[in-house]
Amino acid sequence: MRLLEHGYSVHTTIRPDPEHKRDVSFLTSLPEASEKLQIFQADLSDPNSFEVAIKGCIGVFHVATPVDFENKEPEEMVVQRAIDGTLGILKACLNSMTVKRVVYTSSGAAVVFNDSDVDTMDESYWTDVEYVKALKSFAGPYFISKTLTEKRALEFADEHGFDLVTIIPSFINGPFICSKFPGSVHTSLAMVLGEQQKYGTLLNMSMVHVDDVARAHIFLFEHPHAKGRHICSSHTITIEKMSKFLSSKYPECPIPSLESLKEIEGSRLAGLSSKKLLDLGFKFKSGLDEMYDGAIQSCKEKGYL
């Protein structure tokens, strides 16, 4: 949506839908979409399927990753598919002869899971794969795949003299235009939804508004001096502060009391510093109010609240 507003012609991909049953009207109804948006079918398990969509483009935003939160597949398979899919896309970009820069979307999960005893982490920190394995988290394969795929993407760029920058968002919150409930928004709203099993993730949560993430992608694509990794996270909030914020802002919601939160178990992860991105000249536009107002409004419109 933001690329179209910036005047770009956009190619986007959706997973194969041979019977055309998937509703993509949230894409086709975007302003300027009828003239400037083309939708292609492609799948990360078949990296060659992206070649047609990439052909003729000057920039590529690689924002998707295969996810298996139900642990139906071995960890190695999830990780290898993520790496293979990304390398296939990067090779297609290299072969296109038109792509000037790729912006690869990583995750705060590729930074914070290690044994460093610090309050805030920057781009110099990496998630430790062995540390993640010891956690035995259901999302462990995702953390590992995001970490190893980002590393491999940066290595590929170095090996081939290829212009690639990575963006590392924290939990993305705010309004959503797709019909599906985005996982990061769902987690961010755990207190509003009363989903206690997710409270352990909220002990020290870094967040960013979806619109700031979209704007940061475009900023990093266009900035001539952008290099390497860039964290994109505007706020870090403890579970105690989140409880106070949400209970005062949404008194109609059954937000848990501070007393009841004392028993919550989980890891208080380090916050994330966006200093490198801000030093390039980027500015965040949205705060916690806009994140939660937008997310809750979208949930109401789509029947999740």
C-alpha atoms as a PDB file:
ATOM      1  CA  MET A   1       0.000   0.000   0.000  1.00  0.00           C
ATOM      2  CA  ARG A   2       2.782   2.429   0.952  1.00  0.00           C
ATOM      3  CA  LEU A   3       4.802   1.581  -2.181  1.00  0.00           C
ATOM      4  CA  LEU A   4       1.785   2.348  -4.370  1.00  0.00           C
ATOM      5  CA  GLU A   5       1.340   5.653  -2.527  1.00  0.00           C
ATOM      6  CA  HIS A   6       5.001   6.433  -3.244  1.00  0.00           C
ATOM      7  CA  GLY A   7       4.254   6.072  -6.964  1.00  0.00           C
ATOM      8  CA  TYR A   8       5.954   2.706  -7.506  1.00  0.00           C
ATOM      9  CA  SER A   9       4.628  -0.026  -9.768  1.00  0.00           C
ATOM     10  CA  VAL A  10       4.491  -3.123  -7.566  1.00  0.00           C
ATOM     11  CA  HIS A  11       4.725  -6.862  -8.156  1.00  0.00           C
ATOM     12  CA  THR A  12       3.577  -8.941  -5.187  1.00  0.00           C
ATOM     13  CA  THR A  13       3.343 -12.681  -4.660  1.00  0.00           C
ATOM     14  CA  ILE A  14       0.792 -14.925  -2.998  1.00  0.00           C
ATOM     15  CA  ARG A  15       1.073 -18.653  -2.451  1.00  0.00           C
ATOM     16  CA  PRO A  16      -0.378 -20.836  -5.224  1.00  0.00           C
ATOM     17  CA  ASP A  17      -4.171 -20.836  -5.284  1.00  0.00           C
ATOM     18  CA  PRO A  18      -5.133 -22.974  -8.293  1.00  0.00           C
ATOM     19  CA  GLU A  19      -8.871 -22.796  -7.596  1.00  0.00           C
ATOM     20  CA  HIS A  20      -8.782 -19.037  -6.959  1.00  0.00           C
ATOM     21  CA  LYS A  21     -10.633 -19.399  -3.668  1.00  0.00           C
ATOM     22  CA  ARG A  22      -8.471 -17.042  -1.663  1.00  0.00           C
ATOM     23  CA  ASP A  23      -9.844 -13.549  -1.147  1.00  0.00           C
ATOM     24  CA  VAL A  24      -7.189 -11.034  -2.225  1.00  0.00           C
ATOM     25  CA  SER A  25      -9.561  -8.090  -2.471  1.00  0.00           C
ATOM     26  CA  PHE A  26      -7.616  -6.378   0.341  1.00  0.00           C
ATOM     27  CA  LEU A  27      -4.815  -6.091  -2.234  1.00  0.00           C
ATOM     28  CA  THR A  28      -6.759  -5.472  -5.424  1.00  0.00           C
ATOM     29  CA  SER A  29      -8.862  -2.738  -3.773  1.00  0.00           C
ATOM     30  CA  LEU A  30      -5.848  -0.659  -2.708  1.00  0.00           C
ATOM     31  CA  PRO A  31      -5.640   2.843  -4.223  1.00  0.00           C
ATOM     32  CA  GLU A  32      -3.718   2.699  -7.544  1.00  0.00           C
ATOM     33  CA  ALA A  33      -3.796  -1.137  -7.506  1.00  0.00           C
ATOM     34  CA  SER A  34      -5.757  -1.462 -10.738  1.00  0.00           C
ATOM     35  CA  GLU A  35      -3.031   0.390 -12.661  1.00  0.00           C
ATOM     36  CA  LYS A  36       0.141  -0.338 -10.696  1.00  0.00           C
ATOM     37  CA  LEU A  37      -0.217  -3.664  -8.851  1.00  0.00           C
ATOM     38  CA  GLN A  38       0.386  -7.100 -10.363  1.00  0.00           C
ATOM     39  CA  ILE A  39      -0.155 -10.256  -8.292  1.00  0.00           C
ATOM     40  CA  PHE A  40       1.899 -13.371  -9.037  1.00  0.00           C
ATOM     41  CA  GLN A  41       1.704 -16.856  -7.549  1.00  0.00           C
ATOM     42  CA  ALA A  42       4.920 -18.160  -5.964  1.00  0.00           C
ATOM     43  CA  ASP A  43       6.009 -20.459  -3.141  1.00  0.00           C
ATOM     44  CA  LEU A  44       9.159 -20.360  -0.991  1.00  0.00           C
ATOM     45  CA  SER A  45       9.476 -24.155  -1.325  1.00  0.00           C
ATOM     46  CA  ASP A  46      10.009 -23.516  -5.064  1.00  0.00           C
ATOM     47  CA  PRO A  47      12.403 -20.526  -5.182  1.00  0.00           C
ATOM     48  CA  ASN A  48      12.401 -20.551  -9.006  1.00  0.00           C
ATOM     49  CA  SER A  49       8.723 -19.583  -8.895  1.00  0.00           C
ATOM     50  CA  PHE A  50       9.720 -16.004  -7.984  1.00  0.00           C
ATOM     51  CA  GLU A  51      11.667 -15.303 -11.173  1.00  0.00           C
ATOM     52  CA  VAL A  52       8.649 -14.049 -13.129  1.00  0.00           C
ATOM     53  CA  ALA A  53       7.594 -11.679 -10.334  1.00  0.00           C
ATOM     54  CA  ILE A  54      11.146 -10.316  -9.925  1.00  0.00           C
ATOM     55  CA  LYS A  55      11.738  -9.763 -13.642  1.00  0.00           C
ATOM     56  CA  GLY A  56      12.096  -6.067 -14.458  1.00  0.00           C
ATOM     57  CA  CYS A  57      12.030  -4.886 -10.831  1.00  0.00           C
ATOM     58  CA  ILE A  58      14.564  -2.428  -9.409  1.00  0.00           C
ATOM     59  CA  GLY A  59      14.060  -3.469  -5.784  1.00  0.00           C
ATOM     60  CA  VAL A  60      12.854  -6.536  -3.910  1.00  0.00           C
ATOM     61  CA  PHE A  61      11.414  -6.726  -0.386  1.00  0.00           C
ATOM     62  CA  HIS A  62      11.706 -10.292   0.904  1.00  0.00           C
ATOM     63  CA  VAL A  63       9.190 -10.271   3.771  1.00  0.00           C
ATOM     64  CA  ALA A  64       7.994 -13.882   4.108  1.00  0.00           C
ATOM     65  CA  THR A  65       9.366 -17.003   5.748  1.00  0.00           C
ATOM     66  CA  PRO A  66       8.042 -20.558   6.079  1.00  0.00           C
ATOM     67  CA  VAL A  67       6.756 -21.041   9.641  1.00  0.00           C
ATOM     68  CA  ASP A  68       5.849 -24.238  11.486  1.00  0.00           C
ATOM     69  CA  PHE A  69       4.670 -23.372  15.010  1.00  0.00           C
ATOM     70  CA  GLU A  70       2.957 -26.758  15.361  1.00  0.00           C
ATOM     71  CA  ASN A  71       6.244 -28.668  15.143  1.00  0.00           C
ATOM     72  CA  LYS A  72       4.979 -31.013  12.455  1.00  0.00           C
ATOM     73  CA  GLU A  73       8.326 -30.909  10.672  1.00  0.00           C
ATOM     74  CA  PRO A  74      11.884 -31.482  11.910  1.00  0.00           C
ATOM     75  CA  GLU A  75      13.693 -28.280  12.818  1.00  0.00           C
ATOM     76  CA  GLU A  76      16.370 -28.931  10.186  1.00  0.00           C
ATOM     77  CA  MET A  77      13.730 -29.077   7.440  1.00  0.00           C
ATOM     78  CA  VAL A  78      12.145 -25.768   8.487  1.00  0.00           C
ATOM     79  CA  VAL A  79      15.546 -24.055   8.622  1.00  0.00           C
ATOM     80  CA  GLN A  80      16.784 -25.483   5.339  1.00  0.00           C
ATOM     81  CA  ARG A  81      13.612 -24.507   3.490  1.00  0.00           C
ATOM     82  CA  ALA A  82      13.901 -20.932   4.768  1.00  0.00           C
ATOM     83  CA  ILE A  83      17.541 -20.696   3.677  1.00  0.00           C
ATOM     84  CA  ASP A  84      16.951 -22.363   0.304  1.00  0.00           C
ATOM     85  CA  GLY A  85      13.940 -20.171  -0.410  1.00  0.00           C
ATOM     86  CA  THR A  86      15.843 -16.996   0.408  1.00  0.00           C
ATOM     87  CA  LEU A  87      18.932 -17.972  -1.597  1.00  0.00           C
ATOM     88  CA  GLY A  88      16.728 -18.864  -4.562  1.00  0.00           C
ATOM     89  CA  ILE A  89      15.127 -15.425  -4.445  1.00  0.00           C
ATOM     90  CA  LEU A  90      18.510 -13.706  -4.115  1.00  0.00           C
ATOM     91  CA  LYS A  91      19.868 -15.649  -7.100  1.00  0.00           C
ATOM     92  CA  ALA A  92      16.832 -14.604  -9.138  1.00  0.00           C
ATOM     93  CA  CYS A  93      17.518 -10.979  -8.127  1.00  0.00           C
ATOM     94  CA  LEU A  94      21.158 -11.345  -9.149  1.00  0.00           C
ATOM     95  CA  ASN A  95      20.199 -12.876 -12.511  1.00  0.00           C
ATOM     96  CA  SER A  96      17.553 -10.237 -13.210  1.00  0.00           C
ATOM     97  CA  MET A  97      20.195  -7.597 -14.049  1.00  0.00           C
ATOM     98  CA  THR A  98      17.663  -4.938 -12.960  1.00  0.00           C
ATOM     99  CA  VAL A  99      17.418  -5.335  -9.166  1.00  0.00           C
ATOM    100  CA  LYS A 100      19.533  -2.667  -7.473  1.00  0.00           C
ATOM    101  CA  ARG A 101      18.890  -3.556  -3.837  1.00  0.00           C
ATOM    102  CA  VAL A 102      17.136  -6.223  -1.764  1.00  0.00           C
ATOM    103  CA  VAL A 103      15.651  -5.443   1.648  1.00  0.00           C
ATOM    104  CA  TYR A 104      15.464  -8.698   3.610  1.00  0.00           C
ATOM    105  CA  THR A 105      13.066  -8.787   6.564  1.00  0.00           C
ATOM    106  CA  SER A 106      14.656 -10.517   9.526  1.00  0.00           C
ATOM    107  CA  SER A 107      13.256 -10.488  13.069  1.00  0.00           C
ATOM    108  CA  GLY A 108      14.120  -9.445  16.598  1.00  0.00           C
ATOM    109  CA  ALA A 109      14.195 -13.218  17.128  1.00  0.00           C
ATOM    110  CA  ALA A 110      17.540 -13.204  15.264  1.00  0.00           C
ATOM    111  CA  VAL A 111      19.042 -10.869  17.891  1.00  0.00           C
ATOM    112  CA  VAL A 112      17.772 -11.371  21.447  1.00  0.00           C
ATOM    113  CA  PHE A 113      18.116 -15.077  22.275  1.00  0.00           C
ATOM    114  CA  ASN A 114      21.599 -15.377  23.777  1.00  0.00           C
ATOM    115  CA  ASP A 115      23.194 -15.311  27.223  1.00  0.00           C
ATOM    116  CA  SER A 116      24.297 -11.653  27.098  1.00  0.00           C
ATOM    117  CA  ASP A 117      23.313  -9.892  30.321  1.00  0.00           C
ATOM    118  CA  VAL A 118      22.391  -6.464  28.914  1.00  0.00           C
ATOM    119  CA  ASP A 119      19.260  -4.308  28.965  1.00  0.00           C
ATOM    120  CA  THR A 120      19.404  -3.300  25.293  1.00  0.00           C
ATOM    121  CA  MET A 121      20.826  -4.943  22.190  1.00  0.00           C
ATOM    122  CA  ASP A 122      21.871  -3.477  18.858  1.00  0.00           C
ATOM    123  CA  GLU A 123      22.744  -5.005  15.471  1.00  0.00           C
ATOM    124  CA  SER A 124      26.025  -6.442  16.777  1.00  0.00           C
ATOM    125  CA  TYR A 125      24.106  -9.075  18.765  1.00  0.00           C
ATOM    126  CA  TRP A 126      23.014 -12.383  17.263  1.00  0.00           C
ATOM    127  CA  THR A 127      20.752 -15.124  18.570  1.00  0.00           C
ATOM    128  CA  ASP A 128      22.728 -18.197  19.698  1.00  0.00           C
ATOM    129  CA  VAL A 129      21.352 -21.363  18.065  1.00  0.00           C
ATOM    130  CA  GLU A 130      22.476 -23.637  20.921  1.00  0.00           C
ATOM    131  CA  TYR A 131      20.905 -21.259  23.450  1.00  0.00           C
ATOM    132  CA  VAL A 132      17.597 -21.477  21.567  1.00  0.00           C
ATOM    133  CA  LYS A 133      17.734 -25.281  21.447  1.00  0.00           C
ATOM    134  CA  ALA A 134      18.198 -25.353  25.219  1.00  0.00           C
ATOM    135  CA  LEU A 135      15.046 -23.211  25.637  1.00  0.00           C
ATOM    136  CA  LYS A 136      12.937 -25.973  24.019  1.00  0.00           C
ATOM    137  CA  SER A 137      10.436 -23.322  22.843  1.00  0.00           C
ATOM    138  CA  PHE A 138       7.662 -24.257  20.398  1.00  0.00           C
ATOM    139  CA  ALA A 139       8.893 -21.318  18.298  1.00  0.00           C
ATOM    140  CA  GLY A 140      12.533 -22.442  18.457  1.00  0.00           C
ATOM    141  CA  PRO A 141      12.714 -23.555  14.796  1.00  0.00           C
ATOM    142  CA  TYR A 142      11.419 -20.108  13.772  1.00  0.00           C
ATOM    143  CA  PHE A 143      14.046 -18.297  15.909  1.00  0.00           C
ATOM    144  CA  ILE A 144      16.803 -20.471  14.452  1.00  0.00           C
ATOM    145  CA  SER A 145      15.611 -20.191  10.849  1.00  0.00           C
ATOM    146  CA  LYS A 146      15.385 -16.382  11.024  1.00  0.00           C
ATOM    147  CA  THR A 147      18.891 -16.192  12.512  1.00  0.00           C
ATOM    148  CA  LEU A 148      20.627 -18.561  10.101  1.00  0.00           C
ATOM    149  CA  THR A 149      18.755 -17.241   7.057  1.00  0.00           C
ATOM    150  CA  GLU A 150      19.705 -13.624   7.780  1.00  0.00           C
ATOM    151  CA  LYS A 151      23.346 -14.656   8.253  1.00  0.00           C
ATOM    152  CA  ARG A 152      23.322 -16.610   4.991  1.00  0.00           C
ATOM    153  CA  ALA A 153      21.659 -13.739   3.101  1.00  0.00           C
ATOM    154  CA  LEU A 154      24.361 -11.309   4.270  1.00  0.00           C
ATOM    155  CA  GLU A 155      27.080 -13.836   3.344  1.00  0.00           C
ATOM    156  CA  PHE A 156      25.557 -14.278  -0.127  1.00  0.00           C
ATOM    157  CA  ALA A 157      25.558 -10.504  -0.636  1.00  0.00           C
ATOM    158  CA  ASP A 158      29.230 -10.315   0.375  1.00  0.00           C
ATOM    159  CA  GLU A 159      30.199 -13.240  -1.849  1.00  0.00           C
ATOM    160  CA  HIS A 160      28.519 -11.740  -4.929  1.00  0.00           C
ATOM    161  CA  GLY A 161      29.060  -8.011  -4.344  1.00  0.00           C
ATOM    162  CA  PHE A 162      25.286  -7.723  -4.094  1.00  0.00           C
ATOM    163  CA  ASP A 163      23.460  -4.788  -2.459  1.00  0.00           C
ATOM    164  CA  LEU A 164      21.374  -6.256   0.364  1.00  0.00           C
ATOM    165  CA  VAL A 165      20.266  -4.656   3.619  1.00  0.00           C
ATOM    166  CA  THR A 166      18.320  -6.350   6.404  1.00  0.00           C
ATOM    167  CA  ILE A 167      15.587  -4.888   8.576  1.00  0.00           C
ATOM    168  CA  ILE A 168      14.948  -6.370  12.015  1.00  0.00           C
ATOM    169  CA  PRO A 169      11.471  -5.516  13.344  1.00  0.00           C
ATOM    170  CA  SER A 170      10.413  -6.303  16.893  1.00  0.00           C
ATOM    171  CA  PHE A 171       6.787  -7.362  17.535  1.00  0.00           C
ATOM    172  CA  ILE A 172       4.710  -5.634  14.862  1.00  0.00           C
ATOM    173  CA  ASN A 173       1.485  -4.114  16.167  1.00  0.00           C
ATOM    174  CA  GLY A 174      -1.257  -1.924  14.741  1.00  0.00           C
ATOM    175  CA  PRO A 175      -4.060  -2.186  12.174  1.00  0.00           C
ATOM    176  CA  PHE A 176      -4.097  -4.943   9.560  1.00  0.00           C
ATOM    177  CA  ILE A 177      -5.771  -5.062   6.147  1.00  0.00           C
ATOM    178  CA  CYS A 178      -5.656  -8.829   5.562  1.00  0.00           C
ATOM    179  CA  SER A 179      -8.488 -11.018   6.833  1.00  0.00           C
ATOM    180  CA  LYS A 180      -6.130 -13.288   8.807  1.00  0.00           C
ATOM    181  CA  PHE A 181      -5.212 -12.322  12.393  1.00  0.00           C
ATOM    182  CA  PRO A 182      -1.443 -11.580  12.221  1.00  0.00           C
ATOM    183  CA  GLY A 183       0.483 -13.568  14.837  1.00  0.00           C
ATOM    184  CA  SER A 184       2.498 -10.658  16.218  1.00  0.00           C
ATOM    185  CA  VAL A 185      -0.630  -8.510  16.667  1.00  0.00           C
ATOM    186  CA  HIS A 186      -2.357 -11.472  18.334  1.00  0.00           C
ATOM    187  CA  THR A 187       0.503 -11.786  20.841  1.00  0.00           C
ATOM    188  CA  SER A 188       0.607  -8.024  21.457  1.00  0.00           C
ATOM    189  CA  LEU A 189      -3.105  -8.159  22.355  1.00  0.00           C
ATOM    190  CA  ALA A 190      -2.772 -11.153  24.702  1.00  0.00           C
ATOM    191  CA  MET A 191      -3.913  -9.127  27.739  1.00  0.00           C
ATOM    192  CA  VAL A 192      -6.859  -7.626  25.894  1.00  0.00           C
ATOM    193  CA  LEU A 193      -7.896 -11.099  24.714  1.00  0.00           C
ATOM    194  CA  GLY A 194      -7.249 -12.724  28.109  1.00  0.00           C
ATOM    195  CA  GLU A 195      -4.882 -15.314  26.620  1.00  0.00           C
ATOM    196  CA  GLN A 196      -2.807 -16.044  29.715  1.00  0.00           C
ATOM    197  CA  GLN A 197      -0.617 -18.662  28.028  1.00  0.00           C
ATOM    198  CA  LYS A 198       1.027 -15.807  26.091  1.00  0.00           C
ATOM    199  CA  TYR A 199       1.730 -13.521  29.044  1.00  0.00           C
ATOM    200  CA  GLY A 200       5.264 -14.902  29.433  1.00  0.00           C
ATOM    201  CA  THR A 201       6.146 -13.293  26.096  1.00  0.00           C
ATOM    202  CA  LEU A 202       5.083  -9.862  27.398  1.00  0.00           C
ATOM    203  CA  LEU A 203       7.530  -9.552  30.322  1.00  0.00           C
ATOM    204  CA  ASN A 204       9.668  -7.030  28.429  1.00  0.00           C
ATOM    205  CA  MET A 205       8.231  -6.556  24.959  1.00  0.00           C
ATOM    206  CA  SER A 206       9.699  -4.509  22.117  1.00  0.00           C
ATOM    207  CA  MET A 207       7.123  -3.274  19.602  1.00  0.00           C
ATOM    208  CA  VAL A 208       6.771  -1.195  16.471  1.00  0.00           C
ATOM    209  CA  HIS A 209       3.803   0.073  14.466  1.00  0.00           C
ATOM    210  CA  VAL A 210       3.181  -1.775  11.201  1.00  0.00           C
ATOM    211  CA  ASP A 211       3.193   1.485   9.269  1.00  0.00           C
ATOM    212  CA  ASP A 212       6.595   2.452  10.652  1.00  0.00           C
ATOM    213  CA  VAL A 213       7.913  -0.958   9.529  1.00  0.00           C
ATOM    214  CA  ALA A 214       6.548  -0.452   6.006  1.00  0.00           C
ATOM    215  CA  ARG A 215       7.995   3.073   5.875  1.00  0.00           C
ATOM    216  CA  ALA A 216      11.361   1.806   7.155  1.00  0.00           C
ATOM    217  CA  HIS A 217      11.498  -0.816   4.378  1.00  0.00           C
ATOM    218  CA  ILE A 218      11.055   1.892   1.749  1.00  0.00           C
ATOM    219  CA  PHE A 219      13.489   4.212   3.567  1.00  0.00           C
ATOM    220  CA  LEU A 220      16.200   1.518   3.572  1.00  0.00           C
ATOM    221  CA  PHE A 221      15.569   0.707  -0.082  1.00  0.00           C
ATOM    222  CA  GLU A 222      15.956   4.340  -1.093  1.00  0.00           C
ATOM    223  CA  HIS A 223      18.772   5.473   1.255  1.00  0.00           C
ATOM    224  CA  PRO A 224      22.115   5.465  -0.606  1.00  0.00           C
ATOM    225  CA  HIS A 225      24.203   4.805   2.521  1.00  0.00           C
ATOM    226  CA  ALA A 226      22.174   1.979   4.094  1.00  0.00           C
ATOM    227  CA  LYS A 227      24.398  -1.053   4.768  1.00  0.00           C
ATOM    228  CA  GLY A 228      23.990  -4.309   6.693  1.00  0.00           C
ATOM    229  CA  ARG A 229      21.529  -4.870   9.552  1.00  0.00           C
ATOM    230  CA  HIS A 230      18.993  -2.314  10.860  1.00  0.00           C
ATOM    231  CA  ILE A 231      16.796  -2.818  13.927  1.00  0.00           C
ATOM    232  CA  CYS A 232      13.323  -1.283  13.609  1.00  0.00           C
ATOM    233  CA  SER A 233      11.713  -1.019  17.047  1.00  0.00           C
ATOM    234  CA  SER A 234      10.200   2.090  18.601  1.00  0.00           C
ATOM    235  CA  HIS A 235       9.039   0.998  22.078  1.00  0.00           C
ATOM    236  CA  THR A 236      10.007  -1.463  24.804  1.00  0.00           C
ATOM    237  CA  ILE A 237       7.468  -1.943  27.595  1.00  0.00           C
ATOM    238  CA  THR A 238       7.392  -4.205  30.647  1.00  0.00           C
ATOM    239  CA  ILE A 239       4.354  -6.329  31.427  1.00  0.00           C
ATOM    240  CA  GLU A 240       3.659  -4.151  34.483  1.00  0.00           C
ATOM    241  CA  LYS A 241       3.652  -0.936  32.446  1.00  0.00           C
ATOM    242  CA  MET A 242       1.577  -2.613  29.754  1.00  0.00           C
ATOM    243  CA  SER A 243      -1.036  -3.608  32.349  1.00  0.00           C
ATOM    244  CA  LYS A 244      -1.276  -0.006  33.613  1.00  0.00           C
ATOM    245  CA  PHE A 245      -1.382   1.419  30.076  1.00  0.00           C
ATOM    246  CA  LEU A 246      -4.072  -0.967  28.809  1.00  0.00           C
ATOM    247  CA  SER A 247      -6.281  -0.847  31.923  1.00  0.00           C
ATOM    248  CA  SER A 248      -6.396   2.968  31.849  1.00  0.00           C
ATOM    249  CA  LYS A 249      -6.879   3.138  28.076  1.00  0.00           C
ATOM    250  CA  TYR A 250      -9.393   0.295  27.701  1.00  0.00           C
ATOM    251  CA  PRO A 251     -11.278   0.026  31.022  1.00  0.00           C
ATOM    252  CA  GLU A 252     -13.939  -2.080  29.287  1.00  0.00           C
ATOM    253  CA  CYS A 253     -11.398  -4.884  28.755  1.00  0.00           C
ATOM    254  CA  PRO A 254     -10.563  -7.407  31.532  1.00  0.00           C
ATOM    255  CA  ILE A 255      -6.867  -6.424  31.801  1.00  0.00           C
ATOM    256  CA  PRO A 256      -5.090  -8.477  34.495  1.00  0.00           C
ATOM    257  CA  SER A 257      -4.033  -6.667  37.684  1.00  0.00           C
ATOM    258  CA  LEU A 258      -0.403  -6.058  38.624  1.00  0.00           C
ATOM    259  CA  GLU A 259      -0.827  -8.474  41.549  1.00  0.00           C
ATOM    260  CA  SER A 260      -1.937 -11.318  39.295  1.00  0.00           C
ATOM    261  CA  LEU A 261       1.054 -10.809  36.998  1.00  0.00           C
ATOM    262  CA  LYS A 262       3.658 -11.496  39.690  1.00  0.00           C
ATOM    263  CA  GLU A 263       3.392 -15.227  39.080  1.00  0.00           C
ATOM    264  CA  ILE A 264       4.002 -15.028  35.314  1.00  0.00           C
ATOM    265  CA  GLU A 265       7.035 -17.015  34.203  1.00  0.00           C
ATOM    266  CA  GLY A 266       9.112 -16.323  31.119  1.00  0.00           C
ATOM    267  CA  SER A 267      12.209 -14.544  29.851  1.00  0.00           C
ATOM    268  CA  ARG A 268      12.613 -10.795  30.257  1.00  0.00           C
ATOM    269  CA  LEU A 269      14.257 -10.226  26.901  1.00  0.00           C
ATOM    270  CA  ALA A 270      16.561  -7.293  26.244  1.00  0.00           C
ATOM    271  CA  GLY A 271      15.112  -4.252  24.515  1.00  0.00           C
ATOM    272  CA  LEU A 272      16.151  -3.407  20.965  1.00  0.00           C
ATOM    273  CA  SER A 273      17.967  -0.231  19.902  1.00  0.00           C
ATOM    274  CA  SER A 274      17.061   1.442  16.597  1.00  0.00           C
ATOM    275  CA  LYS A 275      19.894   3.981  16.878  1.00  0.00           C
ATOM    276  CA  LYS A 276      21.497   2.909  13.572  1.00  0.00           C
ATOM    277  CA  LEU A 277      18.232   3.405  11.658  1.00  0.00           C
ATOM    278  CA  LEU A 278      17.520   6.729  13.386  1.00  0.00           C
ATOM    279  CA  ASP A 279      21.064   7.959  12.727  1.00  0.00           C
ATOM    280  CA  LEU A 280      20.401   7.467   8.995  1.00  0.00           C
ATOM    281  CA  GLY A 281      17.527   9.941   9.325  1.00  0.00           C
ATOM    282  CA  PHE A 282      14.493   7.700   9.806  1.00  0.00           C
ATOM    283  CA  LYS A 283      11.768   8.908  12.180  1.00  0.00           C
ATOM    284  CA  PHE A 284       9.092   6.799  13.880  1.00  0.00           C
ATOM    285  CA  LYS A 285       5.623   8.318  13.546  1.00  0.00           C
ATOM    286  CA  SER A 286       3.465   6.086  15.760  1.00  0.00           C
ATOM    287  CA  GLY A 287       3.368   5.309  19.460  1.00  0.00           C
ATOM    288  CA  LEU A 288       1.649   2.737  21.677  1.00  0.00           C
ATOM    289  CA  ASP A 289      -1.680   4.563  21.416  1.00  0.00           C
ATOM    290  CA  GLU A 290      -1.735   4.253  17.627  1.00  0.00           C
ATOM    291  CA  MET A 291      -0.558   0.620  17.762  1.00  0.00           C
ATOM    292  CA  TYR A 292      -3.284  -0.552  20.134  1.00  0.00           C
ATOM    293  CA  ASP A 293      -6.075   1.672  18.785  1.00  0.00           C
ATOM    294  CA  GLY A 294      -5.381   0.431  15.261  1.00  0.00           C
ATOM    295  CA  ALA A 295      -5.060  -3.223  16.258  1.00  0.00           C
ATOM    296  CA  ILE A 296      -8.239  -3.232  18.345  1.00  0.00           C
ATOM    297  CA  GLN A 297     -10.211  -1.390  15.660  1.00  0.00           C
ATOM    298  CA  SER A 298      -9.134  -3.946  13.027  1.00  0.00           C
ATOM    299  CA  CYS A 299     -10.012  -6.811  15.372  1.00  0.00           C
ATOM    300  CA  LYS A 300     -13.495  -5.386  15.885  1.00  0.00           C
ATOM    301  CA  GLU A 301     -14.015  -4.872  12.151  1.00  0.00           C
ATOM    302  CA  LYS A 302     -12.922  -8.445  11.389  1.00  0.00           C
ATOM    303  CA  GLY A 303     -14.789 -10.149  14.244  1.00  0.00           C
ATOM    304  CA  TYR A 304     -11.837 -11.060  16.492  1.00  0.00           C
ATOM    305  CA  LEU A 305     -13.089  -8.801  19.290  1.00  0.00           C
END
